[in-house]
């Protein structure tokens, strides 16, 4: 397996930057998700790692080998990078059986029939496809086709595995099942994996670290817990998890604790900035109570199964999200107690 290093990588199309100054280190055996809205550059970055495109600037290394360098105009072709790629569209050969789809890469490499069968059988067993080996792709469900794509990737024993929104075409229940398949695959192979998605829940459930991208840049590269609990900026706070970003004033930072004024009330905050000016208020930072210095009116109530998601409006017009085990009707006035939310500085 191998680590992946990106040094000041950029990609321009007709002079327009799609990726800007991407510098990151993906550790050997790590599962990393590239998360962001459509058009943020995550699939472009994946294509650079695979060798389908070359960077306009910067260098890319996989393990000890430099695979792309814009300054020297060098780029190792995809077939020589020993990287597996799992496409959103599966990209299976429709005229080949499952077994042949899986073993075809080994056939191209010139392995003997016996070795092809040995490696293909192991890949099929690892992905639960042994009993489907003689079927055609048209006879498989979406989840089974995705398993074939994964088996085809696994059979070549790649140093790294790249996955471009592989679950986007599956229904909700099947996506949850396939998430576990990918996690089991990662645990079994310890392959370095880079997984593109726009689904934050998917990224949070699967990845060791997540690179949140916006407008061609990585705006925060951190663990799921750190992204949720300690976002660096307004974009990350709004894109990862639910909650509300609010302005604060009169922040007091000290060794004995930090505080700030919100809605005219002083509350304790967590921060690493000297003068935070924004607050990320997650639903769990708010406790409903009969009395309280803060009051809010219920705007919406949505049942989520065992709990309700409430949208509240304060007297100053700010909207807050909170969860409750108890049903509240639209228009109800509720008291609020604020815990210790995360505060940060942004220009």
Foldseek 3Di string as FASTA:
>chain_A
DWKKFWAQFWADDPNHTLAGGETDIFGQLFAEEEAEDPSLNQVVVLCCVQQVDATCATWMDTHPRTAHHNVVRHHNHNVPQLEAEQEQVLPFDQVDFLLCSQLVVVVVVPDDPVLSVVLSCVLCVLLVNNVRRGPGPVPDDLLVSSSSSVSSRPSSLGQEYEYEPNCPPDDPVSSVVVLVSVQSVSVVSSHHYYYYDNDQVSRLVRGQWYQYGGNNYRQDIGHLVCLDQPNADDVSLPSHADFDKDFWDDWDDDPVFIWTADPNDIATADEDDPGFTMWTAHQVQKDWDADAPWKWFWADWDDDDQKIWTWTAGPVGDTTIYIGSDDDDGGDMIHIDGHYTYTYHDD
